[in-house]
Protein backbone atom coordinates (compact mmCIF):
# COMPACT_ATOMS: atom_id res chain seq x y z
CA MET A 1 -37.43 -86.40 37.44
CA LEU A 2 -37.41 -85.41 38.80
CA PHE A 3 -37.83 -84.44 39.14
CA LYS A 4 -37.55 -84.26 40.81
CA ALA A 5 -39.33 -81.98 40.08
CA ILE A 6 -42.26 -84.88 39.29
CA ASN A 7 -45.82 -80.82 40.64
CA SER A 8 -47.80 -84.25 37.40
CA SER A 9 -51.85 -92.01 44.22
CA ILE A 10 -55.39 -95.83 45.17
CA VAL A 11 -57.33 -95.19 48.26
CA VAL A 12 -59.68 -97.67 49.82
CA LEU A 13 -61.47 -96.81 53.07
CA PHE A 14 -60.86 -99.51 55.62
CA THR A 15 -63.08 -99.99 58.68
CA ALA A 16 -60.90 -102.08 60.90
CA LEU A 17 -57.49 -101.14 59.60
CA THR A 18 -57.67 -97.34 59.42
CA ALA A 19 -57.90 -94.83 62.22
CA GLY A 20 -60.05 -91.79 61.65
CA CYS A 21 -62.04 -93.08 58.69
CA THR A 22 -65.55 -94.45 58.55
CA ARG A 23 -67.23 -97.09 56.47
CA THR A 24 -70.15 -96.35 54.23
CA PRO A 25 -72.43 -99.39 54.44
CA ASP A 26 -72.89 -101.43 51.26
CA THR A 27 -70.67 -99.21 49.08
CA THR A 28 -67.25 -99.06 50.75
CA VAL A 29 -65.29 -102.02 52.08
CA GLY A 30 -61.75 -102.61 53.14
CA ALA A 31 -60.33 -105.71 51.50
CA ILE A 32 -62.09 -107.19 48.52
CA HIS A 33 -61.68 -110.96 48.41
CA ALA A 34 -62.93 -113.65 46.06
CA THR A 35 -63.78 -116.07 48.87
CA GLY A 36 -67.39 -115.78 49.93
CA ALA A 37 -68.09 -112.74 47.74
CA ALA A 38 -71.58 -112.28 46.35
CA SER A 39 -72.15 -111.79 42.65
CA SER A 40 -71.48 -108.32 41.32
CA ALA A 41 -74.98 -108.12 39.94
CA SER A 42 -76.64 -108.49 43.37
CA GLN A 43 -74.57 -106.02 45.37
CA PRO A 44 -73.78 -102.29 45.09
CA ALA A 45 -70.46 -101.26 43.59
CA VAL A 46 -67.48 -100.97 45.90
CA ILE A 47 -65.81 -97.57 45.93
CA VAL A 48 -62.05 -97.75 45.54
CA LYS A 49 -60.38 -94.38 45.96
CA ILE A 50 -57.12 -93.86 44.13
CA GLY A 51 -54.75 -91.16 45.29
CA HIS A 52 -52.57 -89.14 42.95
CA VAL A 53 -49.99 -86.65 44.19
CA GLY A 54 -48.14 -84.09 42.08
CA ALA A 55 -47.08 -80.46 42.05
CA ILE A 56 -50.29 -78.79 40.91
CA SER A 57 -49.03 -75.40 42.06
CA GLY A 58 -45.58 -73.82 41.79
CA ALA A 59 -43.03 -73.67 38.99
CA GLY A 60 -43.78 -77.13 37.60
CA ALA A 61 -47.56 -76.94 37.88
CA ASN A 62 -48.21 -77.76 34.22
CA LEU A 63 -46.36 -81.07 34.61
CA GLY A 64 -48.30 -81.83 37.78
CA LYS A 65 -51.62 -81.13 36.09
CA ASP A 66 -50.55 -83.21 33.10
CA ASN A 67 -49.85 -86.13 35.43
CA GLU A 68 -53.13 -85.67 37.26
CA ASN A 69 -55.04 -85.76 33.98
CA GLY A 70 -53.31 -89.01 33.10
CA ALA A 71 -54.71 -90.44 36.34
CA ARG A 72 -58.19 -89.09 35.55
CA LEU A 73 -58.20 -90.74 32.14
CA ALA A 74 -57.14 -94.07 33.65
CA ILE A 75 -59.93 -93.85 36.24
CA GLU A 76 -62.51 -93.09 33.56
CA ASP A 77 -61.35 -96.00 31.40
CA LEU A 78 -61.37 -98.46 34.31
CA ASN A 79 -64.88 -97.45 35.33
CA ALA A 80 -66.10 -97.70 31.75
CA ALA A 81 -64.67 -101.23 31.56
CA GLY A 82 -66.62 -102.37 34.64
CA VAL A 83 -63.83 -103.86 36.79
CA VAL A 84 -64.85 -106.68 39.14
CA ILE A 85 -62.76 -107.76 42.16
CA GLY A 86 -63.82 -110.66 44.33
CA GLY A 87 -67.22 -110.81 42.69
CA ARG A 88 -67.97 -107.15 43.39
CA LYS A 89 -68.14 -104.40 40.81
CA ILE A 90 -65.63 -101.63 41.50
CA THR A 91 -66.11 -97.89 41.08
CA PHE A 92 -62.74 -96.17 41.13
CA GLU A 93 -62.61 -92.63 42.47
CA LEU A 94 -59.64 -90.26 42.19
CA MET A 95 -58.29 -88.32 45.16
CA ALA A 96 -55.94 -85.71 43.70
CA GLU A 97 -53.54 -83.93 46.04
CA ASP A 98 -51.07 -81.09 45.50
CA ASP A 99 -47.62 -81.23 47.14
CA ALA A 100 -46.38 -78.08 45.33
CA GLY A 101 -43.03 -79.81 44.81
CA ASP A 102 -42.25 -79.15 48.48
CA PRO A 103 -40.92 -82.03 50.64
CA LYS A 104 -42.76 -80.88 53.78
CA GLN A 105 -46.05 -80.55 51.94
CA GLY A 106 -45.34 -83.87 50.25
CA THR A 107 -45.05 -85.74 53.55
CA ALA A 108 -48.14 -83.96 54.91
CA VAL A 109 -50.14 -85.08 51.88
CA ALA A 110 -48.77 -88.62 52.19
CA GLN A 111 -49.86 -88.80 55.83
CA LYS A 112 -53.28 -87.46 54.87
CA LEU A 113 -53.74 -90.29 52.39
CA VAL A 114 -52.52 -92.85 54.92
CA ASP A 115 -54.99 -91.53 57.49
CA LEU A 116 -57.77 -92.08 54.97
CA GLY A 117 -56.76 -95.72 54.64
CA VAL A 118 -55.09 -95.57 51.25
CA SER A 119 -54.29 -98.86 49.61
CA GLY A 120 -52.14 -97.36 46.85
CA VAL A 121 -50.64 -94.10 45.64
CA ILE A 122 -49.60 -92.89 42.20
CA GLY A 123 -46.90 -90.25 42.63
CA HIS A 124 -45.24 -88.16 43.56
CA LEU A 125 -44.11 -86.14 40.54
CA ASN A 126 -40.78 -84.93 41.98
CA SER A 127 -37.91 -86.83 43.55
CA GLY A 128 -37.70 -84.35 46.41
CA THR A 129 -41.24 -85.17 47.51
CA SER A 130 -41.35 -88.83 46.46
CA ILE A 131 -38.33 -89.87 48.55
CA PRO A 132 -39.55 -88.69 51.99
CA ALA A 133 -43.14 -89.69 51.23
CA ALA A 134 -41.98 -93.23 50.40
CA ARG A 135 -41.10 -93.87 54.05
CA ILE A 136 -44.61 -92.91 55.17
CA TYR A 137 -46.20 -95.24 52.64
CA HIS A 138 -43.74 -97.99 53.55
CA GLU A 139 -44.52 -97.77 57.27
CA ALA A 140 -48.23 -98.05 56.44
CA GLY A 141 -47.66 -100.93 54.01
CA ILE A 142 -49.09 -98.98 51.07
CA PRO A 143 -47.80 -99.41 47.50
CA GLN A 144 -46.51 -96.28 45.78
CA ILE A 145 -45.67 -96.05 42.07
CA SER A 146 -43.91 -92.91 40.90
CA PRO A 147 -44.32 -92.24 37.18
CA SER A 148 -41.64 -89.55 37.05
CA ALA A 149 -39.30 -89.28 40.07
CA THR A 150 -35.83 -90.21 38.82
CA ASN A 151 -33.42 -89.85 41.77
CA PRO A 152 -31.93 -93.34 42.32
CA LYS A 153 -32.43 -93.05 46.09
CA LEU A 154 -36.20 -93.48 45.71
CA THR A 155 -35.98 -97.23 45.16
CA ARG A 156 -32.78 -97.75 47.15
CA GLN A 157 -34.23 -97.15 50.59
CA GLY A 158 -35.12 -100.81 50.98
CA PHE A 159 -38.88 -100.27 50.85
CA LYS A 160 -40.83 -103.10 49.24
CA THR A 161 -43.75 -100.74 48.67
CA THR A 162 -41.89 -98.36 46.34
CA PHE A 163 -41.97 -98.65 42.54
CA ARG A 164 -40.84 -96.48 39.63
CA LEU A 165 -42.02 -96.61 36.02
CA VAL A 166 -39.18 -94.69 34.32
CA ALA A 167 -35.40 -94.83 34.06
CA ASP A 168 -33.53 -93.21 36.94
CA ASP A 169 -30.88 -90.47 36.98
CA THR A 170 -28.03 -92.97 36.81
CA GLN A 171 -29.26 -93.88 33.35
CA LEU A 172 -30.51 -90.42 32.38
CA GLY A 173 -27.59 -88.32 33.61
CA GLY A 174 -25.14 -90.94 32.42
CA ALA A 175 -26.60 -91.01 28.91
CA LEU A 176 -26.52 -87.21 28.70
CA GLY A 177 -22.93 -87.06 29.92
CA ARG A 178 -21.76 -89.53 27.31
CA TYR A 179 -23.81 -87.85 24.58
CA ALA A 180 -22.35 -84.43 25.43
CA VAL A 181 -18.83 -85.75 24.91
CA THR A 182 -19.26 -88.19 22.03
CA SER A 183 -21.99 -86.51 19.95
CA LEU A 184 -21.81 -82.84 20.93
CA HIS A 185 -18.00 -83.07 21.02
CA GLY A 186 -17.80 -81.21 24.31
CA LYS A 187 -14.42 -81.17 25.98
CA THR A 188 -15.03 -78.68 28.80
CA PHE A 189 -18.14 -78.38 30.95
CA ALA A 190 -19.78 -76.03 33.43
CA VAL A 191 -22.42 -77.54 35.71
CA ILE A 192 -25.21 -75.81 37.65
CA ASP A 193 -27.88 -77.47 39.81
CA ASP A 194 -30.82 -76.17 41.83
CA ARG A 195 -29.94 -78.14 44.99
CA THR A 196 -33.15 -80.17 44.89
CA ALA A 197 -32.94 -83.95 45.20
CA TYR A 198 -33.65 -84.19 41.49
CA GLY A 199 -31.39 -81.39 40.27
CA GLN A 200 -28.40 -82.35 42.37
CA GLY A 201 -28.77 -86.04 41.56
CA VAL A 202 -28.98 -85.67 37.79
CA ALA A 203 -26.09 -83.16 37.77
CA GLU A 204 -23.88 -85.56 39.70
CA GLU A 205 -24.63 -88.42 37.33
CA PHE A 206 -24.03 -86.21 34.28
CA THR A 207 -20.68 -85.08 35.72
CA LYS A 208 -19.49 -88.61 36.43
CA ALA A 209 -20.39 -89.81 32.93
CA ALA A 210 -18.93 -86.80 31.14
CA VAL A 211 -15.63 -87.12 33.00
CA ALA A 212 -15.53 -90.89 32.41
CA ALA A 213 -16.04 -90.24 28.69
CA GLY A 214 -13.05 -87.87 28.62
CA GLY A 215 -14.63 -84.49 29.40
CA LYS A 216 -13.45 -82.01 32.02
CA VAL A 217 -15.66 -80.04 34.41
CA ILE A 218 -14.05 -76.60 34.67
CA ASP A 219 -16.73 -74.78 36.68
CA ARG A 220 -19.40 -75.85 39.21
CA HIS A 221 -22.20 -73.68 40.61
CA PHE A 222 -25.37 -73.99 42.68
CA THR A 223 -28.60 -72.01 42.74
CA ASN A 224 -32.03 -72.74 44.22
CA ASP A 225 -35.35 -73.72 42.69
CA LYS A 226 -36.85 -70.26 43.21
CA ALA A 227 -34.10 -68.17 41.57
CA THR A 228 -34.74 -66.19 38.38
CA ASP A 229 -31.56 -64.12 37.97
CA PHE A 230 -28.52 -66.15 36.93
CA ASN A 231 -26.40 -63.35 35.47
CA ALA A 232 -23.71 -63.47 38.17
CA ILE A 233 -23.22 -67.22 37.80
CA LEU A 234 -23.31 -67.06 34.00
CA THR A 235 -20.84 -64.17 33.87
CA THR A 236 -18.36 -66.24 35.86
CA ILE A 237 -18.94 -69.24 33.62
CA LYS A 238 -18.51 -67.13 30.47
CA GLY A 239 -14.96 -66.34 31.54
CA LYS A 240 -14.15 -70.06 31.59
CA LYS A 241 -15.46 -70.60 28.01
CA PRO A 242 -16.97 -74.08 28.45
CA ASP A 243 -18.19 -76.04 25.44
CA VAL A 244 -21.30 -77.22 27.28
CA LEU A 245 -23.33 -75.93 30.21
CA PHE A 246 -25.38 -78.53 32.07
CA PHE A 247 -28.29 -77.51 34.30
CA GLY A 248 -29.89 -79.85 36.83
CA GLY A 249 -33.29 -78.27 37.43
CA MET A 250 -36.65 -77.48 35.88
CA TYR A 251 -37.80 -75.83 32.66
CA ALA A 252 -39.19 -72.74 34.43
CA GLN A 253 -35.64 -71.79 35.39
CA ALA A 254 -33.87 -73.24 32.37
CA GLY A 255 -35.80 -70.94 30.01
CA PRO A 256 -34.71 -67.68 31.66
CA MET A 257 -31.21 -69.10 32.11
CA ILE A 258 -30.93 -69.72 28.36
CA LYS A 259 -32.14 -66.19 27.62
CA GLN A 260 -29.55 -64.73 30.00
CA MET A 261 -26.82 -66.91 28.47
CA ARG A 262 -27.53 -65.52 25.03
CA SER A 263 -27.74 -61.95 26.33
CA LEU A 264 -24.26 -62.41 27.76
CA ARG A 265 -23.13 -64.04 24.50
CA LEU A 266 -22.22 -67.23 26.30
CA LYS A 267 -22.05 -69.62 23.35
CA ALA A 268 -21.97 -72.97 25.15
CA LYS A 269 -24.51 -75.61 24.22
CA PHE A 270 -27.16 -76.04 26.92
CA VAL A 271 -27.97 -79.52 28.25
CA GLY A 272 -30.44 -80.63 30.93
CA GLY A 273 -32.37 -83.63 32.21
CA ASP A 274 -36.03 -84.48 31.99
CA GLY A 275 -36.86 -81.53 34.24
CA ILE A 276 -36.33 -79.20 31.29
CA CYS A 277 -37.59 -81.62 28.63
CA SER A 278 -41.00 -80.00 28.21
CA ASP A 279 -42.62 -77.93 25.49
CA SER A 280 -42.88 -75.24 28.15
CA LEU A 281 -39.10 -74.83 27.93
CA VAL A 282 -39.52 -73.35 24.45
CA HIS A 283 -42.15 -70.97 25.81
CA PHE A 284 -39.83 -69.72 28.56
CA ALA A 285 -36.66 -69.62 26.44
CA GLY A 286 -38.25 -68.19 23.29
CA SER A 287 -35.96 -67.60 20.33
CA ALA A 288 -32.91 -67.79 22.61
CA ALA A 289 -33.19 -71.59 22.44
CA GLY A 290 -32.05 -71.44 18.79
CA ASP A 291 -31.67 -74.57 16.70
CA ASP A 292 -29.71 -77.61 17.94
CA GLN A 293 -28.27 -75.59 20.83
CA VAL A 294 -30.43 -76.98 23.65
CA PHE A 295 -30.53 -80.70 24.44
CA CYS A 296 -32.32 -82.81 27.04
CA ALA A 297 -33.29 -86.38 27.83
CA GLU A 298 -36.71 -87.57 28.88
CA ALA A 299 -36.99 -90.66 31.08
CA GLY A 300 -39.09 -92.93 28.91
CA GLY A 301 -39.81 -93.38 25.25
CA VAL A 302 -41.26 -95.85 22.77
CA GLU A 303 -40.33 -97.31 19.40
CA GLY A 304 -41.93 -99.35 16.65
CA GLU A 305 -45.40 -100.73 17.27
CA ASP A 306 -45.54 -99.20 20.76
CA GLN A 307 -45.57 -95.77 19.13
CA ILE A 308 -49.02 -96.58 17.70
CA SER A 309 -50.47 -97.14 21.18
CA LEU A 310 -48.82 -94.04 22.58
CA ASP A 311 -50.06 -91.88 19.68
CA ALA A 312 -53.60 -93.17 20.24
CA PHE A 313 -53.32 -92.28 23.93
CA LYS A 314 -52.11 -88.79 23.08
CA ALA A 315 -55.04 -88.25 20.73
CA ARG A 316 -57.55 -89.37 23.37
CA PHE A 317 -55.82 -87.25 26.00
CA LYS A 318 -56.04 -84.14 23.83
CA SER A 319 -59.69 -84.80 23.02
CA ARG A 320 -60.55 -85.25 26.71
CA PHE A 321 -58.56 -82.38 28.24
CA ASN A 322 -58.01 -80.04 25.27
CA SER A 323 -54.26 -80.04 25.90
CA GLU A 324 -51.23 -81.89 24.58
CA VAL A 325 -49.44 -84.51 26.65
CA GLN A 326 -46.51 -82.79 28.35
CA THR A 327 -44.23 -85.58 29.54
CA TYR A 328 -45.31 -88.19 32.05
CA SER A 329 -49.11 -88.49 31.88
CA PRO A 330 -48.85 -91.75 29.85
CA TYR A 331 -46.71 -93.21 32.66
CA VAL A 332 -49.27 -92.11 35.24
CA TYR A 333 -51.96 -93.81 33.18
CA ASP A 334 -49.97 -97.04 33.02
CA SER A 335 -49.03 -96.87 36.73
CA LEU A 336 -52.65 -96.67 37.80
CA ARG A 337 -53.79 -99.44 35.48
CA ILE A 338 -50.93 -101.72 36.60
CA MET A 339 -51.99 -101.21 40.21
CA ALA A 340 -55.62 -101.99 39.36
CA ALA A 341 -54.54 -105.07 37.38
CA ALA A 342 -52.62 -106.36 40.41
CA MET A 343 -55.74 -105.95 42.54
CA VAL A 344 -57.83 -107.89 40.03
CA LYS A 345 -55.26 -110.68 39.79
CA ALA A 346 -54.98 -110.88 43.59
CA GLN A 347 -58.77 -110.62 43.91
CA SER A 348 -58.23 -108.10 46.68
CA SER A 349 -57.63 -104.39 47.15
CA ASP A 350 -55.92 -105.02 50.48
CA PRO A 351 -52.25 -103.95 50.04
CA ALA A 352 -51.07 -106.99 51.98
CA HIS A 353 -52.70 -109.22 49.38
CA TYR A 354 -52.05 -107.41 46.10
CA LEU A 355 -48.57 -105.97 46.82
CA PRO A 356 -46.77 -109.27 46.05
CA VAL A 357 -48.68 -109.48 42.77
CA LEU A 358 -47.75 -105.90 41.91
CA ALA A 359 -44.09 -106.58 42.64
CA ALA A 360 -44.20 -109.60 40.31
CA THR A 361 -45.56 -107.56 37.38
CA THR A 362 -44.02 -108.94 34.18
CA ASN A 363 -44.54 -107.79 30.59
CA TYR A 364 -47.65 -105.76 31.34
CA GLN A 365 -48.64 -104.16 28.03
CA GLY A 366 -49.21 -100.48 28.65
CA VAL A 367 -49.44 -97.47 26.38
CA THR A 368 -45.73 -96.91 27.06
CA GLY A 369 -44.73 -100.45 26.14
CA LYS A 370 -44.17 -103.69 28.08
CA ILE A 371 -43.55 -103.13 31.78
CA SER A 372 -41.81 -105.33 34.35
CA PHE A 373 -40.35 -104.50 37.77
CA ASP A 374 -36.97 -105.58 39.13
CA GLU A 375 -36.20 -106.55 42.72
CA LYS A 376 -35.82 -102.90 43.79
CA GLY A 377 -39.12 -101.84 42.25
CA ASP A 378 -37.52 -100.12 39.26
CA VAL A 379 -38.82 -100.67 35.77
CA LYS A 380 -36.69 -103.14 33.87
CA ASN A 381 -34.91 -101.97 30.72
CA GLY A 382 -35.83 -98.33 31.23
CA VAL A 383 -35.47 -96.20 28.11
CA LEU A 384 -34.61 -92.56 27.44
CA THR A 385 -35.53 -90.17 24.66
CA LEU A 386 -32.93 -87.61 23.61
CA LYS A 387 -34.42 -84.35 22.32
CA THR A 388 -33.35 -80.97 20.98
CA VAL A 389 -35.03 -77.65 20.24
CA ARG A 390 -35.33 -76.95 16.54
CA ALA A 391 -37.51 -74.38 14.73
CA GLY A 392 -39.21 -73.48 17.99
CA LYS A 393 -40.18 -77.06 18.83
CA LEU A 394 -38.82 -79.81 21.06
CA ILE A 395 -38.18 -82.77 18.78
CA PRO A 396 -36.88 -86.32 19.48
CA LEU A 397 -33.44 -87.33 18.28
CA ALA A 398 -33.19 -90.93 19.47
CA VAL A 399 -34.57 -93.49 21.89
CA ILE A 400 -31.78 -95.22 23.82
CA ARG A 401 -31.52 -97.94 26.47
């Protein structure tokens, strides 16, 4: 996303490698190696702290909390399984941080985790925070897996420590642009973005794909991610009579924007990226969303037998947290478990030792399907789920690659 957007993280305290952190004798070590390790039964468990960063406050806070809960469930499952690395039993511990979707706060949080001696991070939720934070993790040699940031730049900075578990905006915006022309039969388009890294990126990719498919962009506007009144922009757009209005931004703004569109009797279909693809969109838009008038694409999706695993995860998630999965918590869950699996395979929690194993991840079976990384750190064969609002609910239309 996003996001992008996304608000929705493994920390090991090192003695010799980390400034400003201390070692707790017998329970916390830096690198966990197989060579010379005592049996797990004769030594205390090693504490491995896993960091998760998302926007827990601000407009996308529900997505950030959803992501954080995905990390909590993964931690609980790993501890229940009794993971052993290098002959030592591991106790995973979550360090959850809030970047509020703000790039400055995002880099501050990233540096905080580095100063603690992090050996891995799950996050950030949003593209705008993930991209600058990636440099900090890279300089410290710390792996970072984002479960939701979709701006292509994230994995194109040349950092070997950066990974992404979902399709990027080139795929997402491109698929939406083509869909808007070929399936929604849009000929003319108005485009608005919120000027965030996510919003601007997905809007640009949508525009390129729509034009390439034969559409014409007849109006282009910008807002910011704090705005709530879009009447001036929408009034101008209404005069152009576009078939489709695309918004690059988040659901908390898309909802009011849809309401204001309908109040102005602007009849264009409304399309957005994964930043709006949340059940919360329906809450904010209310009845103004209508039926088959609002469309979005979510980075990710499963089909066939993989749906069984994802449905089981969703049931467990709801039982544990008394809330439905929003969007990316399953990808957070898989991200954290992939990182832990790389540590086990490498027999070390030292980033220098397990990073090459992480990068070589191939056909890892997660709750979101089989996962492999390409040379840039992007997930291979990323999928998208097209959705629409119908009868007051966000429902899937198709899973596409």
